[in-house]
Amino acid sequence: MDNKIKRSQEAENILAQINSQTKLGDLRKIAKDIKKNHELAMELWSSEAFLPRLLAILIMDKKLLTQDFLNKLDEDMQMHPFDERNNLMDWLMANQLAKDKKTIALMASWETSSSALQRRTFWYYQARLRWTGQTPPDNTEDLLAALETTIMQEEPEVKWAMNFLAGWIGVYDETNRTRCMEIGEKTGLYKDEVVSKGCTPNYLPEFITMEVNKRRDK
């Protein structure tokens, strides 16, 4: 993106409202008032700041989210720290990409993308389908086979999404539950991770057991 955009007064006024105290709910309220405004989104994006970029994502026009455009956003996200860039991409997936057939088809093509953020999105979207209780596509066997082969060679952000998918398959698909727990035992991923009280661990045997029990107790 061209970050030397001359920003309008409207963009400057919005940027002046956003500070370290701004919450995601505040951004959603601002976006609700603006509705869709792709040009304004690009002005906010050009600020290079994390929260204005989250707001920009909310007001983008999804018809303009082509692969080339998404590649440029992805490139811009690389300037952010690890957690921020993952959050930006996850927010883009949840608020835009998951809501349109064309962009869902783009995400489905990202399994072998050269971009780690796009590969993460491929796996995270598959996990999200299961976690939000939607009927997943009939691709569980293919996903698990690919995951077992490649998870340990992947970048950390992709590894997390693959592990997350195996977790939700294990929770909702009883026939694959043992297999998903065994993936966690074999990889050892997140086994020693310390989690806060009340949070579900990422280590698959624990994650699956806890989430299954939660659903049984309801």
Protein backbone atom coordinates (compact mmCIF):
# COMPACT_ATOMS: atom_id res chain seq x y z
CA MET A 1 0.00 0.00 0.00
CA ASP A 2 1.13 3.52 -0.61
CA ASN A 3 1.64 4.86 2.88
CA LYS A 4 2.22 8.38 1.57
CA ILE A 5 -1.52 8.85 0.99
CA LYS A 6 -2.65 12.40 1.74
CA ARG A 7 -5.31 11.80 4.36
CA SER A 8 -8.68 13.56 4.39
CA GLN A 9 -9.93 15.56 7.36
CA GLU A 10 -12.40 12.74 8.08
CA ALA A 11 -9.55 10.22 8.37
CA GLU A 12 -7.52 12.57 10.58
CA ASN A 13 -10.55 13.12 12.85
CA ILE A 14 -11.04 9.35 13.24
CA LEU A 15 -7.34 8.76 13.90
CA ALA A 16 -7.47 11.46 16.61
CA GLN A 17 -10.21 9.46 18.42
CA ILE A 18 -8.12 6.27 18.61
CA ASN A 19 -5.58 5.79 21.39
CA SER A 20 -4.19 3.08 23.65
CA GLN A 21 -7.43 3.08 25.69
CA THR A 22 -9.57 2.32 22.62
CA LYS A 23 -11.24 -1.10 22.80
CA LEU A 24 -12.37 -3.38 19.97
CA GLY A 25 -15.99 -2.57 20.82
CA ASP A 26 -15.22 1.14 20.30
CA LEU A 27 -13.80 0.37 16.86
CA ARG A 28 -16.94 -1.59 15.98
CA LYS A 29 -19.11 1.39 17.00
CA ILE A 30 -17.10 3.77 14.80
CA ALA A 31 -17.29 1.26 11.90
CA LYS A 32 -21.06 0.95 12.34
CA ASP A 33 -21.43 4.69 11.85
CA ILE A 34 -19.15 4.74 8.81
CA LYS A 35 -20.54 1.53 7.25
CA LYS A 36 -18.52 0.61 4.11
CA ASN A 37 -15.93 3.09 2.85
CA HIS A 38 -12.98 1.51 1.09
CA GLU A 39 -11.21 4.79 0.35
CA LEU A 40 -11.38 5.83 4.01
CA ALA A 41 -10.21 2.32 4.98
CA MET A 42 -7.09 2.81 2.88
CA GLU A 43 -6.41 6.18 4.50
CA LEU A 44 -6.66 4.62 7.96
CA TRP A 45 -4.52 1.66 6.84
CA SER A 46 -1.83 4.09 5.68
CA SER A 47 -1.35 5.21 9.32
CA GLU A 48 0.59 1.93 9.85
CA ALA A 49 -0.87 1.77 13.39
CA PHE A 50 -2.46 -1.42 14.75
CA LEU A 51 -5.87 -0.15 15.98
CA PRO A 52 -6.59 2.08 12.95
CA ARG A 53 -5.74 -0.91 10.77
CA LEU A 54 -8.26 -3.06 12.67
CA LEU A 55 -10.86 -0.35 12.03
CA ALA A 56 -9.84 -0.15 8.35
CA ILE A 57 -10.52 -3.87 7.97
CA LEU A 58 -14.08 -3.42 9.27
CA ILE A 59 -15.00 -0.80 6.63
CA MET A 60 -13.27 -2.32 3.58
CA ASP A 61 -15.35 -3.27 0.55
CA LYS A 62 -15.16 -7.08 0.32
CA LYS A 63 -15.75 -6.94 -3.45
CA LEU A 64 -12.28 -5.38 -3.76
CA LEU A 65 -10.49 -8.07 -1.74
CA THR A 66 -8.69 -9.76 -4.63
CA GLN A 67 -5.69 -12.03 -4.15
CA ASP A 68 -3.32 -9.22 -5.26
CA PHE A 69 -4.89 -6.77 -2.82
CA LEU A 70 -4.72 -9.31 0.03
CA ASN A 71 -1.06 -9.99 -0.78
CA LYS A 72 -0.37 -6.26 -0.33
CA LEU A 73 -2.20 -6.18 3.00
CA ASP A 74 -0.24 -9.27 4.07
CA GLU A 75 3.02 -7.56 3.10
CA ASP A 76 2.06 -4.48 5.14
CA MET A 77 1.21 -6.64 8.15
CA GLN A 78 4.81 -7.91 8.24
CA MET A 79 5.93 -4.60 9.80
CA HIS A 80 3.88 -5.42 12.95
CA PRO A 81 5.11 -7.55 15.87
CA PHE A 82 4.22 -11.27 15.74
CA ASP A 83 0.99 -11.14 17.79
CA GLU A 84 -0.29 -7.99 16.08
CA ARG A 85 0.12 -9.35 12.58
CA ASN A 86 -1.63 -12.59 13.53
CA ASN A 87 -4.45 -10.55 15.09
CA LEU A 88 -4.78 -8.38 11.98
CA MET A 89 -5.04 -11.42 9.71
CA ASP A 90 -7.46 -13.24 12.04
CA TRP A 91 -9.64 -10.10 12.23
CA LEU A 92 -9.58 -9.82 8.43
CA MET A 93 -10.61 -13.48 8.16
CA ALA A 94 -13.46 -13.22 10.68
CA ASN A 95 -14.85 -9.85 9.58
CA GLN A 96 -14.38 -10.01 5.83
CA LEU A 97 -12.94 -13.15 4.23
CA ALA A 98 -15.31 -15.62 5.94
CA LYS A 99 -18.37 -13.65 4.76
CA ASP A 100 -18.13 -13.97 0.99
CA LYS A 101 -17.99 -17.02 -1.29
CA LYS A 102 -15.18 -15.54 -3.42
CA THR A 103 -12.89 -14.87 -0.47
CA ILE A 104 -13.78 -18.22 1.15
CA ALA A 105 -12.60 -19.81 -2.12
CA LEU A 106 -9.38 -17.77 -1.93
CA MET A 107 -8.72 -18.99 1.63
CA ALA A 108 -9.29 -22.57 0.48
CA SER A 109 -6.39 -22.11 -1.98
CA TRP A 110 -3.91 -20.96 0.70
CA GLU A 111 -2.84 -24.33 2.12
CA THR A 112 0.46 -24.12 0.22
CA SER A 113 0.72 -20.31 -0.08
CA SER A 114 4.24 -18.87 0.22
CA SER A 115 2.86 -16.58 2.97
CA ALA A 116 2.80 -18.02 6.50
CA LEU A 117 -0.09 -15.69 7.38
CA GLN A 118 -2.14 -17.04 4.49
CA ARG A 119 -1.33 -20.66 5.39
CA ARG A 120 -2.33 -19.90 8.99
CA THR A 121 -5.63 -18.49 7.70
CA PHE A 122 -6.30 -21.63 5.66
CA TRP A 123 -6.02 -23.82 8.78
CA TYR A 124 -7.64 -21.37 11.16
CA TYR A 125 -10.70 -20.99 8.93
CA GLN A 126 -11.14 -24.78 8.83
CA ALA A 127 -10.91 -24.82 12.64
CA ARG A 128 -13.37 -21.95 12.90
CA LEU A 129 -15.98 -23.79 10.84
CA ARG A 130 -15.91 -26.60 13.38
CA TRP A 131 -15.58 -24.44 16.47
CA THR A 132 -18.56 -22.24 15.53
CA GLY A 133 -20.67 -25.36 15.03
CA GLN A 134 -21.05 -25.03 11.26
CA THR A 135 -21.21 -28.22 9.24
CA PRO A 136 -17.60 -28.60 8.03
CA PRO A 137 -16.76 -29.61 4.47
CA ASP A 138 -16.07 -33.29 3.93
CA ASN A 139 -12.30 -32.78 4.11
CA THR A 140 -11.39 -33.92 7.63
CA GLU A 141 -9.39 -36.96 6.49
CA ASP A 142 -7.35 -34.91 3.97
CA LEU A 143 -6.71 -32.17 6.52
CA LEU A 144 -5.55 -34.59 9.21
CA ALA A 145 -3.28 -36.45 6.78
CA ALA A 146 -1.67 -33.17 5.62
CA LEU A 147 -1.41 -31.91 9.17
CA GLU A 148 0.31 -35.06 10.47
CA THR A 149 2.87 -34.81 7.67
CA THR A 150 3.72 -31.10 7.82
CA ILE A 151 2.88 -29.61 11.24
CA MET A 152 6.38 -29.88 12.70
CA GLN A 153 7.99 -28.19 9.68
CA GLU A 154 5.65 -25.21 9.83
CA GLU A 155 6.16 -21.65 11.09
CA PRO A 156 4.97 -21.08 14.70
CA GLU A 157 1.85 -19.12 13.70
CA VAL A 158 0.80 -21.86 11.24
CA LYS A 159 1.63 -24.64 13.71
CA TRP A 160 -0.74 -23.06 16.23
CA ALA A 161 -3.64 -22.95 13.72
CA MET A 162 -3.05 -26.56 12.62
CA ASN A 163 -2.97 -27.69 16.24
CA PHE A 164 -6.16 -25.68 16.92
CA LEU A 165 -7.90 -27.43 14.02
CA ALA A 166 -6.85 -30.88 15.30
CA GLY A 167 -8.25 -29.85 18.67
CA TRP A 168 -11.70 -29.00 17.31
CA ILE A 169 -11.82 -32.06 15.08
CA GLY A 170 -11.07 -34.11 18.20
CA VAL A 171 -13.84 -32.39 20.16
CA TYR A 172 -16.62 -32.73 17.58
CA ASP A 173 -15.64 -35.82 15.60
CA GLU A 174 -15.62 -38.83 17.90
CA THR A 175 -14.24 -41.17 15.22
CA ASN A 176 -11.07 -39.06 15.00
CA ARG A 177 -10.76 -38.14 18.69
CA THR A 178 -8.04 -40.63 19.59
CA ARG A 179 -6.09 -39.79 16.42
CA CYS A 180 -6.14 -36.07 17.29
CA MET A 181 -4.98 -36.74 20.84
CA GLU A 182 -2.16 -38.88 19.45
CA ILE A 183 -1.07 -36.00 17.19
CA GLY A 184 -0.58 -33.95 20.39
CA GLU A 185 1.30 -36.75 22.11
CA LYS A 186 3.60 -37.29 19.12
CA THR A 187 4.35 -33.61 18.49
CA GLY A 188 4.46 -32.64 22.17
CA LEU A 189 3.34 -29.16 21.08
CA TYR A 190 2.36 -26.86 23.97
CA LYS A 191 2.78 -29.70 26.49
CA ASP A 192 4.73 -27.52 28.92
CA GLU A 193 2.77 -24.32 28.24
CA VAL A 194 1.51 -22.64 31.40
CA VAL A 195 -2.05 -21.38 31.02
CA SER A 196 -4.03 -19.01 33.22
CA LYS A 197 -6.71 -20.42 35.49
CA GLY A 198 -9.92 -21.05 33.56
CA CYS A 199 -8.16 -21.10 30.17
CA THR A 200 -8.06 -24.22 28.01
CA PRO A 201 -4.52 -25.49 27.32
CA ASN A 202 -3.33 -25.86 23.71
CA TYR A 203 -1.83 -29.32 24.37
CA LEU A 204 -4.21 -31.54 22.38
CA PRO A 205 -4.94 -34.38 24.87
CA GLU A 206 -5.82 -31.79 27.54
CA PHE A 207 -7.64 -29.43 25.16
CA ILE A 208 -9.84 -32.16 23.72
CA THR A 209 -10.60 -33.77 27.09
CA MET A 210 -11.56 -30.44 28.68
CA GLU A 211 -13.71 -29.24 25.77
CA VAL A 212 -15.51 -32.60 25.46
CA ASN A 213 -16.22 -32.60 29.22
CA LYS A 214 -17.58 -29.04 29.04
CA ARG A 215 -20.09 -30.16 26.42
CA ARG A 216 -21.06 -33.27 28.41
CA ASP A 217 -21.71 -31.19 31.52
CA LYS A 218 -24.21 -28.91 29.76
